[in-house]
Amino acid sequence: MAKTKTLQNKGKVEIDRDILLSIINLATKEINGVESLTNAYLPWYKKLVKPKSEGVSIKFDLNGKINIDVYVKVYIGYSVPDIAYRVQENIKNSLGSMVGLKPGKINVHVYGVVCDKEGSGEN
């Protein structure tokens, strides 16, 4: 499934779903305190076949807006609301600057806290 954007009398631009997934994945991993994206939300039978969209779910609504769910693990010592806000803002800015999309909803789900020496709580 690709997102199509029609420009006035200049044709149309199609953006592949994998491109959107890559942008969202990179934007999420850029944030300090995010350890990784996770597929913990998937049922066991869907985990048997590794999906392309690790830790990201994209849905398009009837108005053409993109709604995003991101599933992450965070390091201990970081503020979860702060990380979630920064992930949302970074995804919104990355999609806007790279492909010109304004997402509808960006939901960040924290599925685990990792106790590791990298998560010292320093931002």
Protein backbone atom coordinates (compact mmCIF):
# COMPACT_ATOMS: atom_id res chain seq x y z
CA MET A 1 0.00 0.00 0.00
CA ALA A 2 1.45 3.33 -0.99
CA LYS A 3 0.50 6.85 0.01
CA THR A 4 -0.37 9.02 -2.99
CA LYS A 5 -0.13 12.79 -2.98
CA THR A 6 -1.53 14.72 -5.95
CA LEU A 7 0.16 17.97 -6.88
CA GLN A 8 -1.70 20.63 -8.85
CA ASN A 9 -1.33 19.80 -12.56
CA LYS A 10 2.09 18.28 -11.92
CA GLY A 11 1.17 14.62 -11.57
CA LYS A 12 1.31 12.52 -8.45
CA VAL A 13 3.92 11.25 -6.04
CA GLU A 14 3.64 7.75 -4.56
CA ILE A 15 5.47 6.91 -1.36
CA ASP A 16 5.98 3.24 -0.60
CA ARG A 17 4.96 1.95 2.82
CA ASP A 18 8.50 0.66 3.44
CA ILE A 19 9.86 4.19 3.02
CA LEU A 20 7.45 5.49 5.65
CA LEU A 21 8.42 2.62 7.98
CA SER A 22 12.11 3.41 7.53
CA ILE A 23 11.61 7.11 8.28
CA ILE A 24 9.56 6.34 11.40
CA ASN A 25 12.07 3.71 12.56
CA LEU A 26 15.03 6.08 12.21
CA ALA A 27 13.18 9.00 13.82
CA THR A 28 12.32 6.84 16.83
CA LYS A 29 15.82 5.44 17.32
CA GLU A 30 17.35 8.95 17.25
CA ILE A 31 15.82 9.79 20.63
CA ASN A 32 17.99 9.35 23.75
CA GLY A 33 16.44 6.83 26.09
CA VAL A 34 14.90 4.62 23.39
CA GLU A 35 16.57 1.20 23.50
CA SER A 36 14.77 -0.41 20.57
CA LEU A 37 11.51 -0.94 18.74
CA THR A 38 9.67 -4.12 19.68
CA ASN A 39 7.09 -6.51 18.26
CA ALA A 40 5.87 -7.50 21.73
CA TYR A 41 2.36 -6.31 20.83
CA LEU A 42 1.97 -8.98 18.14
CA PRO A 43 0.27 -12.31 18.85
CA TRP A 44 2.63 -15.30 18.93
CA TYR A 45 1.54 -16.65 15.54
CA LYS A 46 2.40 -13.36 13.80
CA LYS A 47 5.84 -13.33 15.42
CA LEU A 48 6.69 -16.59 13.63
CA VAL A 49 6.96 -14.67 10.37
CA LYS A 50 9.17 -11.64 10.98
CA PRO A 51 7.22 -8.60 9.79
CA LYS A 52 8.90 -5.75 7.91
CA SER A 53 7.40 -3.19 10.24
CA GLU A 54 9.25 -4.01 13.42
CA GLY A 55 7.64 -2.02 16.23
CA VAL A 56 5.59 0.24 13.92
CA SER A 57 1.96 0.05 12.84
CA ILE A 58 0.70 2.40 10.10
CA LYS A 59 -2.96 2.95 9.30
CA PHE A 60 -4.58 5.38 6.90
CA ASP A 61 -7.94 6.90 7.87
CA LEU A 62 -10.73 7.93 5.50
CA ASN A 63 -9.43 11.50 5.27
CA GLY A 64 -6.05 10.32 3.99
CA LYS A 65 -4.26 11.05 7.26
CA ILE A 66 -1.67 8.60 8.48
CA ASN A 67 -2.08 7.23 12.02
CA ILE A 68 1.02 5.70 13.58
CA ASP A 69 1.56 3.38 16.54
CA VAL A 70 5.15 2.94 17.71
CA TYR A 71 6.11 0.21 20.21
CA VAL A 72 9.38 0.83 22.08
CA LYS A 73 11.57 -0.32 24.92
CA VAL A 74 13.23 2.43 26.97
CA TYR A 75 16.27 2.61 29.22
CA ILE A 76 15.75 2.89 32.95
CA GLY A 77 16.33 6.37 34.39
CA TYR A 78 14.66 8.31 31.58
CA SER A 79 11.30 10.07 31.83
CA VAL A 80 8.77 8.02 29.85
CA PRO A 81 6.41 10.96 29.09
CA ASP A 82 9.40 13.02 27.92
CA ILE A 83 10.64 10.22 25.65
CA ALA A 84 7.13 9.69 24.22
CA TYR A 85 6.74 13.41 23.47
CA ARG A 86 10.16 13.62 21.80
CA VAL A 87 9.44 10.51 19.71
CA GLN A 88 6.12 12.00 18.55
CA GLU A 89 7.71 15.33 17.64
CA ASN A 90 10.64 13.71 15.84
CA ILE A 91 8.36 11.46 13.76
CA LYS A 92 6.12 14.40 12.88
CA ASN A 93 9.07 16.60 11.87
CA SER A 94 10.82 13.80 9.94
CA LEU A 95 7.73 12.89 7.91
CA GLY A 96 7.04 16.57 7.25
CA SER A 97 10.54 17.39 6.05
CA MET A 98 11.31 14.19 4.12
CA VAL A 99 8.03 13.39 2.37
CA GLY A 100 5.72 16.31 3.14
CA LEU A 101 3.18 14.35 5.20
CA LYS A 102 1.36 15.61 8.26
CA PRO A 103 0.41 12.59 10.38
CA GLY A 104 -2.90 12.42 12.22
CA LYS A 105 -2.18 10.55 15.44
CA ILE A 106 1.17 9.29 16.70
CA ASN A 107 0.78 6.88 19.62
CA VAL A 108 3.87 5.74 21.52
CA HIS A 109 3.50 2.49 23.48
CA VAL A 110 6.23 1.59 25.97
CA TYR A 111 6.52 -2.20 26.16
CA GLY A 112 9.49 -2.54 28.44
CA VAL A 113 12.22 -0.93 30.50
CA VAL A 114 15.79 -2.07 29.96
CA CYS A 115 18.29 -2.01 32.81
CA ASP A 116 21.57 -1.30 31.06
CA LYS A 117 24.64 0.81 31.74
CA GLU A 118 23.78 3.02 28.71
CA GLY A 119 20.55 4.18 30.38
CA SER A 120 22.17 6.46 32.93
CA GLY A 121 19.35 9.00 32.86
CA GLU A 122 21.44 11.76 31.31
CA ASN A 123 19.66 13.52 28.45
